[in-house]
Protein backbone atom coordinates (compact mmCIF):
# COMPACT_ATOMS: atom_id res chain seq x y z
CA MET A 1 17.38 -6.87 -23.52
CA LEU A 2 16.00 -4.08 -20.88
CA SER A 3 18.50 -1.72 -21.37
CA GLN A 4 19.21 0.71 -18.51
CA GLY A 5 21.67 2.81 -20.68
CA ARG A 6 18.84 4.70 -22.54
CA PRO A 7 15.49 6.26 -21.01
CA LEU A 8 13.19 3.52 -20.82
CA THR A 9 8.89 4.20 -20.97
CA ILE A 10 7.55 1.93 -17.83
CA ALA A 11 3.73 1.85 -17.84
CA PHE A 12 2.00 1.09 -14.54
CA CYS A 13 -1.62 -0.48 -14.32
CA LEU A 14 -4.13 -0.32 -11.69
CA LEU A 15 -7.89 0.23 -12.57
CA SER A 16 -8.45 2.41 -8.84
CA PHE A 17 -5.38 4.66 -9.54
CA ARG A 18 -5.79 8.22 -8.94
CA PRO A 19 -3.51 11.29 -7.28
CA ASP A 20 -4.12 11.11 -3.74
CA HIS A 21 -5.98 7.74 -3.11
CA PRO A 22 -6.03 6.77 0.21
CA SER A 23 -4.48 2.94 -0.52
CA GLY A 24 -1.42 1.32 0.04
CA ILE A 25 -1.12 0.20 -3.76
CA GLU A 26 -1.40 3.54 -5.14
CA ARG A 27 1.03 4.95 -2.73
CA SER A 28 3.34 2.29 -3.38
CA LEU A 29 2.86 2.48 -7.30
CA ALA A 30 3.32 6.62 -6.88
CA ALA A 31 6.47 6.12 -5.37
CA LEU A 32 8.00 3.90 -7.86
CA ILE A 33 6.59 6.29 -10.60
CA GLU A 34 8.16 9.50 -8.44
CA GLY A 35 11.49 7.17 -8.67
CA VAL A 36 11.22 6.23 -11.77
CA ARG A 37 11.02 9.31 -13.28
CA GLN A 38 13.81 10.51 -10.90
CA LEU A 39 16.22 8.08 -12.73
CA GLY A 40 15.64 9.97 -15.89
CA HIS A 41 12.69 7.16 -17.35
CA GLU A 42 9.26 7.63 -18.27
CA ALA A 43 6.31 6.73 -16.06
CA LEU A 44 2.79 5.98 -17.48
CA VAL A 45 -0.29 4.98 -15.55
CA LEU A 46 -3.48 3.45 -16.61
CA ALA A 47 -6.44 3.55 -14.39
CA ALA A 48 -10.33 2.98 -15.23
CA GLY A 49 -12.76 5.88 -16.50
CA PRO A 50 -14.34 7.80 -15.98
CA ALA A 51 -12.03 11.12 -15.71
CA GLN A 52 -11.74 12.28 -12.09
CA ALA A 53 -11.38 15.86 -10.26
CA GLY A 54 -7.74 16.22 -9.73
CA ASP A 55 -6.01 13.45 -12.80
CA ALA A 56 -3.98 16.31 -13.68
CA ALA A 57 -1.59 15.81 -10.63
CA GLU A 58 -0.50 13.03 -12.54
CA PRO A 59 0.70 13.87 -15.94
CA GLY A 60 1.15 10.45 -17.44
CA LEU A 61 -2.23 9.25 -16.13
CA ILE A 62 -4.55 7.50 -19.21
CA ARG A 63 -7.72 6.38 -18.38
CA LEU A 64 -9.14 3.56 -20.04
CA ALA A 65 -12.10 3.72 -22.19
CA SER A 66 -12.99 0.20 -22.19
CA VAL A 67 -13.38 -0.27 -18.04
CA GLN A 68 -15.51 1.99 -16.69
CA LEU A 69 -16.01 1.87 -12.75
CA PRO A 70 -18.09 3.07 -10.22
CA ARG A 71 -16.64 4.56 -7.14
CA PRO A 72 -16.53 2.97 -5.03
CA ALA A 73 -16.69 -0.20 -7.06
CA THR A 74 -16.45 -3.76 -5.63
CA ASN A 75 -14.72 -6.82 -7.22
CA ASN A 76 -18.13 -7.70 -8.65
CA ASP A 77 -17.99 -4.44 -10.51
CA VAL A 78 -14.75 -5.10 -11.86
CA LEU A 79 -15.53 -8.41 -12.64
CA ALA A 80 -18.56 -7.13 -14.95
CA ALA A 81 -16.93 -4.37 -16.74
CA LEU A 82 -14.24 -7.31 -17.78
CA ALA A 83 -16.75 -10.17 -18.42
CA ASP A 84 -15.45 -9.44 -22.15
CA PRO A 85 -11.97 -9.50 -21.50
CA ALA A 86 -11.52 -8.91 -25.11
CA PRO A 87 -11.67 -4.76 -25.55
CA VAL A 88 -9.60 -4.17 -22.63
CA VAL A 89 -6.84 -6.56 -23.57
CA THR A 90 -6.84 -4.90 -27.37
CA GLU A 91 -6.89 -1.38 -25.82
CA VAL A 92 -3.90 -1.84 -23.07
CA ALA A 93 -2.00 -3.64 -25.73
CA ALA A 94 -2.60 -0.67 -27.96
CA LEU A 95 -1.39 1.68 -25.52
CA LEU A 96 1.68 0.04 -24.83
CA THR A 97 2.44 -0.38 -28.22
CA GLU A 98 2.12 3.09 -29.47
CA HIS A 99 4.14 4.85 -26.37
CA ALA A 100 6.63 1.58 -26.83
CA VAL A 101 6.75 0.51 -23.25
CA ASP A 102 9.47 -1.39 -22.12
CA LEU A 103 7.97 -2.72 -18.99
CA VAL A 104 4.34 -2.94 -17.84
CA CYS A 105 4.03 -3.36 -14.11
CA TRP A 106 0.45 -5.15 -13.20
CA GLY A 107 -0.47 -3.12 -10.10
CA ASP A 108 -2.81 -6.50 -8.91
CA THR A 109 -3.90 -9.56 -10.49
CA LEU A 110 -7.40 -8.71 -10.86
CA TRP A 111 -7.78 -4.59 -10.13
CA GLY A 112 -4.40 -4.43 -12.02
CA LEU A 113 -5.49 -6.73 -15.00
CA GLY A 114 -2.37 -8.82 -14.53
CA TYR A 115 -4.42 -11.96 -14.99
CA LEU A 116 -5.05 -10.66 -18.31
CA ASP A 117 -1.63 -10.69 -19.38
CA ALA A 118 -2.27 -8.10 -22.15
CA ALA A 119 1.33 -7.05 -22.91
CA PRO A 120 2.02 -7.02 -26.51
CA PRO A 121 4.83 -10.15 -27.33
CA GLY A 122 8.38 -9.03 -26.27
CA VAL A 123 7.46 -6.83 -24.13
CA ARG A 124 8.46 -7.54 -20.19
CA SER A 125 5.89 -7.71 -17.48
CA ALA A 126 6.04 -7.30 -14.08
CA LEU A 127 3.28 -8.53 -11.29
CA MET A 128 3.19 -6.29 -8.38
CA VAL A 129 2.38 -8.19 -5.55
CA HIS A 130 0.56 -6.56 -2.31
CA LYS A 131 -0.76 -9.82 -0.94
CA VAL A 132 -0.32 -13.62 -1.66
CA ARG A 133 -3.38 -14.94 -2.84
CA PRO A 134 -4.69 -18.49 -1.74
CA ALA A 135 -3.93 -20.92 -4.31
CA ARG A 136 -8.09 -21.37 -5.47
CA ASP A 137 -7.67 -18.02 -6.71
CA GLU A 138 -7.29 -18.86 -10.64
CA ARG A 139 -6.43 -15.62 -11.78
CA TRP A 140 -3.60 -15.57 -9.42
CA HIS A 141 -1.98 -18.41 -11.05
CA ARG A 142 -2.60 -16.87 -14.53
CA ALA A 143 -0.88 -13.61 -13.56
CA LEU A 144 1.97 -15.67 -12.15
CA ALA A 145 2.29 -17.49 -14.89
CA ALA A 146 2.03 -14.67 -17.16
CA ALA A 147 4.17 -12.40 -15.42
CA SER A 148 8.44 -12.21 -16.44
CA VAL A 149 8.95 -11.44 -12.95
CA VAL A 150 6.73 -11.09 -9.80
CA CYS A 151 7.82 -8.48 -7.62
CA PRO A 152 6.54 -8.52 -3.46
CA ALA A 153 6.68 -5.43 -2.03
CA SER A 154 8.19 -6.22 0.95
CA THR A 155 10.58 -8.85 2.43
CA TYR A 156 7.80 -10.29 4.56
CA LEU A 157 5.51 -11.20 1.42
CA ALA A 158 8.49 -12.88 -0.13
CA GLN A 159 8.53 -14.80 2.83
CA GLU A 160 4.87 -15.60 2.81
CA GLY A 161 5.22 -16.71 -0.47
CA VAL A 162 7.87 -19.03 0.16
CA GLU A 163 6.20 -20.39 3.42
CA ALA A 164 2.83 -21.01 1.50
CA GLY A 165 4.45 -22.98 -0.82
CA TRP A 166 4.75 -21.35 -3.82
CA ASP A 167 7.48 -21.05 -6.73
CA THR A 168 9.28 -18.25 -6.09
CA THR A 169 12.05 -19.02 -8.73
CA ARG A 170 11.21 -15.67 -10.55
CA TRP A 171 10.22 -13.45 -7.63
CA ARG A 172 12.54 -10.55 -6.86
CA THR A 173 11.53 -8.13 -3.80
CA VAL A 174 10.57 -4.55 -5.22
CA PRO A 175 10.62 -2.70 -1.42
CA ASN A 176 7.67 0.13 -1.09
CA ALA A 177 9.22 3.59 -0.68
CA LEU A 178 8.13 6.69 0.66
CA LEU A 179 7.17 9.71 -1.59
CA MET A 180 8.75 12.37 1.40
CA THR A 181 12.76 12.56 2.50
CA PRO A 182 12.63 12.49 6.34
CA ARG A 183 12.49 14.66 8.48
CA PRO A 184 12.51 13.44 11.80
CA VAL A 185 11.08 16.48 14.88
CA PRO A 186 13.86 17.80 16.81
CA SER A 187 14.01 16.04 20.34
CA ALA A 188 12.79 19.20 22.34
CA GLY A 189 9.61 19.18 20.42
CA ARG A 190 9.35 15.24 20.50
CA GLU A 191 10.02 15.70 24.63
CA MET A 192 6.67 18.13 24.34
CA LEU A 193 4.78 15.50 22.49
CA ARG A 194 5.67 12.93 24.57
CA ARG A 195 3.92 14.56 27.45
CA ASP A 196 0.94 16.44 25.94
CA GLY A 197 0.88 15.64 22.27
CA PRO A 198 -2.05 13.53 20.46
CA VAL A 199 -2.58 10.30 19.62
CA ARG A 200 -2.96 10.18 15.86
CA VAL A 201 -4.41 7.38 13.65
CA VAL A 202 -4.12 7.57 9.76
CA SER A 203 -6.24 4.73 8.08
CA ARG A 204 -8.53 3.79 5.07
CA VAL A 205 -11.79 2.74 6.19
CA GLU A 206 -11.77 -1.12 6.13
CA PRO A 207 -13.43 -3.28 9.26
CA ALA A 208 -9.84 -5.43 9.59
CA LYS A 209 -8.18 -1.66 10.39
CA GLY A 210 -10.05 -2.44 14.00
CA LEU A 211 -10.87 1.34 14.24
CA ALA A 212 -14.05 1.19 16.00
CA GLU A 213 -12.33 -1.63 18.11
CA LEU A 214 -9.77 0.50 18.99
CA VAL A 215 -11.95 3.76 19.77
CA ASP A 216 -14.12 1.36 22.17
CA ALA A 217 -11.21 0.13 23.97
CA ILE A 218 -9.81 3.84 25.08
CA PRO A 219 -8.85 3.32 28.88
CA PRO A 220 -11.39 5.12 31.03
CA ASP A 221 -8.88 7.40 32.76
CA TRP A 222 -7.28 8.36 29.24
CA ASN A 223 -7.45 12.06 28.94
CA ARG A 224 -4.59 12.62 26.34
CA PRO A 225 -6.26 14.21 22.54
CA ILE A 226 -6.69 10.87 19.97
CA GLU A 227 -7.37 12.02 16.44
CA LEU A 228 -8.44 9.68 13.62
CA VAL A 229 -7.73 10.59 9.83
CA LEU A 230 -10.30 8.32 8.09
CA ALA A 231 -9.67 7.80 4.31
CA GLU A 232 -12.58 6.37 2.19
CA ALA A 233 -11.04 4.92 -0.83
CA ASP A 234 -12.60 4.25 -4.32
CA PHE A 235 -13.05 0.25 -3.61
CA GLU A 236 -14.77 -1.44 -0.98
CA PHE A 237 -15.17 -5.12 -0.77
CA TRP A 238 -19.41 -5.01 -0.40
CA PRO A 239 -21.50 -1.62 -1.12
CA GLY A 240 -21.70 0.44 2.06
CA MET A 241 -18.56 -0.87 3.94
CA GLN A 242 -16.93 2.36 4.46
CA ALA A 243 -19.78 3.67 5.53
CA ASP A 244 -20.60 0.98 8.11
CA VAL A 245 -17.30 1.76 9.62
CA ILE A 246 -17.48 5.09 9.99
CA ALA A 247 -20.82 5.12 11.62
CA ALA A 248 -19.03 2.50 14.25
CA CYS A 249 -15.83 5.15 14.73
CA ARG A 250 -18.60 8.00 15.44
CA ALA A 251 -20.57 5.96 17.53
CA ALA A 252 -17.37 4.93 19.64
CA ALA A 253 -15.97 8.65 19.53
CA ALA A 254 -19.52 9.93 20.57
CA ARG A 255 -18.96 7.85 23.85
CA ARG A 256 -16.00 9.63 24.76
CA PRO A 257 -17.05 13.06 24.35
CA GLY A 258 -14.52 15.76 23.62
CA LEU A 259 -11.88 13.68 23.55
CA VAL A 260 -11.99 11.75 20.09
CA THR A 261 -11.66 13.87 16.83
CA ILE A 262 -12.58 12.26 13.56
CA ARG A 263 -10.93 13.98 10.24
CA PRO A 264 -11.36 13.37 6.79
CA ALA A 265 -8.30 12.11 4.49
CA LEU A 266 -5.24 14.24 3.84
CA GLY A 267 -3.07 13.90 0.45
CA TRP A 268 -0.18 11.94 0.29
CA ARG A 269 2.56 14.38 1.16
CA GLN A 270 0.54 15.50 3.86
CA VAL A 271 1.07 12.52 5.95
CA PRO A 272 4.22 12.46 7.24
CA GLY A 273 3.87 15.98 8.80
CA TYR A 274 0.66 15.05 10.27
CA LEU A 275 1.88 12.21 12.14
CA ALA A 276 5.13 14.27 12.89
CA GLY A 277 2.71 15.94 15.01
CA ALA A 278 1.68 12.82 17.03
CA ALA A 279 3.23 11.47 20.11
CA VAL A 280 2.73 8.08 18.89
CA THR A 281 0.63 6.30 16.34
CA ILE A 282 -1.23 3.20 16.59
CA ILE A 283 -1.66 0.51 13.95
CA SER A 284 -4.71 -1.50 15.08
CA SER A 285 -4.95 -4.01 12.19
CA ILE A 286 -6.62 -7.29 13.09
CA GLU A 287 -4.97 -8.60 9.69
CA PRO A 288 -1.24 -8.92 8.62
CA GLU A 289 -0.27 -5.67 7.03
CA THR A 290 1.92 -6.48 4.13
CA PHE A 291 3.95 -3.28 4.58
CA CYS A 292 2.32 -0.52 6.11
CA PHE A 293 2.95 2.86 4.53
CA THR A 294 1.37 4.53 7.65
CA ALA A 295 3.79 2.84 10.09
CA ALA A 296 6.54 3.69 7.70
CA GLU A 297 5.94 7.31 7.29
CA ALA A 298 5.52 7.96 11.44
CA LEU A 299 8.71 6.52 11.76
CA SER A 300 10.13 8.68 8.94
CA VAL A 301 9.47 11.66 11.10
CA GLY A 302 10.27 10.01 14.73
CA THR A 303 7.17 8.79 15.85
CA PRO A 304 6.81 5.72 17.82
CA VAL A 305 4.58 2.96 16.62
CA ILE A 306 2.48 0.66 18.30
CA SER A 307 0.84 -2.19 17.06
CA PHE A 308 0.19 -6.15 17.20
CA ASP A 309 2.97 -8.58 16.99
CA PHE A 310 2.41 -10.17 13.49
CA GLY A 311 2.85 -8.62 9.33
CA ASN A 312 5.62 -6.68 8.16
CA VAL A 313 4.81 -3.81 11.21
CA PRO A 314 7.59 -5.70 13.71
CA LEU A 315 9.98 -6.15 11.12
CA LEU A 316 9.59 -1.97 9.96
CA ALA A 317 9.54 -0.72 13.40
CA GLY A 318 12.26 -2.51 15.32
CA PRO A 319 13.57 -0.92 18.26
CA ALA A 320 10.97 2.19 17.46
CA GLY A 321 8.02 0.35 18.05
CA ARG A 322 6.53 -1.74 21.11
CA MET A 323 4.07 -4.77 19.89
CA VAL A 324 1.47 -6.57 21.68
CA PRO A 325 -0.05 -10.14 21.12
CA LEU A 326 -2.80 -9.92 18.94
CA PRO A 327 -5.07 -12.16 21.42
CA HIS A 328 -4.89 -9.39 24.11
CA GLY A 329 -7.03 -7.48 22.06
CA ALA A 330 -6.99 -3.33 21.53
CA GLU A 331 -6.95 -2.55 25.35
CA ALA A 332 -3.15 -3.80 25.47
CA LEU A 333 -2.60 -1.50 22.53
CA TRP A 334 -3.32 1.21 24.41
CA GLU A 335 -1.80 -0.14 27.68
CA ALA A 336 1.37 -0.22 25.45
CA THR A 337 0.84 3.10 24.28
CA ASP A 338 0.34 4.38 27.99
CA ALA A 339 3.79 2.71 29.30
CA LEU A 340 6.03 4.09 26.43
CA LEU A 341 5.02 7.91 26.93
CA LYS A 342 5.57 7.37 30.63
CA ASP A 343 9.16 6.31 30.30
CA ALA A 344 11.11 9.54 28.79
CA ARG A 345 14.38 7.03 28.38
CA ALA A 346 12.42 4.29 26.11
CA TYR A 347 10.51 6.77 24.44
CA HIS A 348 13.00 9.03 23.00
CA ALA A 349 14.81 5.54 22.27
CA ALA A 350 12.46 4.64 20.13
CA ALA A 351 11.79 8.07 18.55
CA THR A 352 15.61 8.03 17.85
CA ALA A 353 15.84 5.00 16.25
CA ALA A 354 12.57 5.72 13.71
CA PRO A 355 14.13 7.33 10.92
CA GLY A 356 16.47 4.77 10.36
CA GLN A 357 14.48 2.31 10.03
CA VAL A 358 12.58 3.36 6.91
CA ALA A 359 15.68 5.57 5.50
CA ALA A 360 16.33 3.11 2.49
CA TYR A 361 12.71 3.18 1.26
CA THR A 362 13.52 5.54 -1.21
CA PRO A 363 11.88 6.14 -4.58
CA ALA A 364 15.11 6.00 -6.47
CA ALA A 365 15.73 2.81 -4.69
CA ALA A 366 12.33 0.98 -5.39
CA ALA A 367 13.07 2.02 -8.92
CA GLU A 368 16.22 0.59 -9.29
CA ALA A 369 15.12 -2.80 -7.66
CA LEU A 370 12.26 -2.52 -10.38
CA LEU A 371 14.44 -2.07 -12.87
CA ALA A 372 17.00 -4.95 -11.73
CA ALA A 373 14.16 -7.42 -11.45
CA ALA A 374 12.81 -6.89 -14.78
CA ALA A 375 16.28 -7.13 -16.51
CA SER A 376 17.01 -10.75 -14.81
CA ALA A 377 14.23 -12.11 -16.69
CA PRO A 378 13.58 -12.69 -20.02
CA PRO A 379 10.63 -11.24 -22.01
CA ARG A 380 7.26 -13.69 -21.88
CA PRO A 381 6.40 -15.11 -25.24
CA GLY A 382 3.22 -13.39 -25.24
CA ARG A 383 -0.68 -13.95 -23.97
CA PRO A 384 -1.78 -17.51 -23.64
CA ALA A 385 -5.01 -18.17 -25.20
CA GLU A 386 -8.39 -17.61 -22.87
CA GLY A 387 -9.33 -20.10 -20.44
CA ALA A 388 -6.07 -22.20 -22.03
CA LEU A 389 -3.82 -21.80 -18.97
CA PRO A 390 -4.09 -24.28 -16.37
CA VAL A 391 -4.44 -24.19 -12.45
CA PRO A 392 -1.43 -25.71 -10.78
CA PRO A 393 -1.15 -26.55 -6.95
CA PRO A 394 1.55 -24.35 -5.28
CA ARG A 395 4.58 -27.03 -4.63
């Protein structure tokens, strides 16, 4: 049994992990790690080498000698590094044994090594799900079958799994959490922001975030400052992807000189304070957000959210947001922003409701949900033989 009556050792595995890495999965794991430690347990993080500047900020970080990745890396880089999985399986299993790990959380199917199932026999494992993978993804099937428990990061994701026809018997939602305690802006300061504050957007650099399209859609008569924080991650879908997106954003901003400012990435704990100084934030993603940390961080400080009406953002924001249909395009995001900023009563109602929308998303609550999920499932019998796992269709 996974006893919560004694301190536990919990390992988290994500090859791309580093402190302040601007990615939702990393922020999700960081909050879980914070919560695990708040509950009196020990947390470790297994990530790919080589060592990075700033690693010391996470005392439990262990760099794997068997997996070395360039930065940024692509899926193909990871697959090449894992072409012979034996060394990494051996190293991970040895580390989990050496540190007497009670529970290992694979942060992703591929980048979190979930499909390799390197947990020693008797050690529970949790597959952390931040995206429901397609049925044709063999590694996803392997990771699902191997995990003791499957932990989607939002109720939206859990429902997505049901609607896709997956057997969710072993699925237990472990909601993402915020690292910072909400500190809403007082109403007087919020009124000043409504009148004159900037629109601030914080985003990882990716085409699906719709960033250049958002800038291109700024109304001709718009005169309120707009700030974009563009954060480059240690992974991309193809070489040069992030450079292409940044170039497109800069070109769009140049067409509105003096109006749009592009800023570099912020640290995890800097983001809420930065968003507290915004009149609103806009989530312009053209693919569904399965949680959306930026929206949650904005809400935590009382900043209303404007977005498209799909994915988890409408569920997260509730009355603190304004949603528009995706087919209406980025122009509709600006129309909704302008309408909310001009309506003082509606704006303050949204700002007042915002912190309560995310108040439950604390590190300790997330860690408690993780431990409860793991305790609900028996340990798996051990790693299946390589290539022996069949690939069943979803039910």
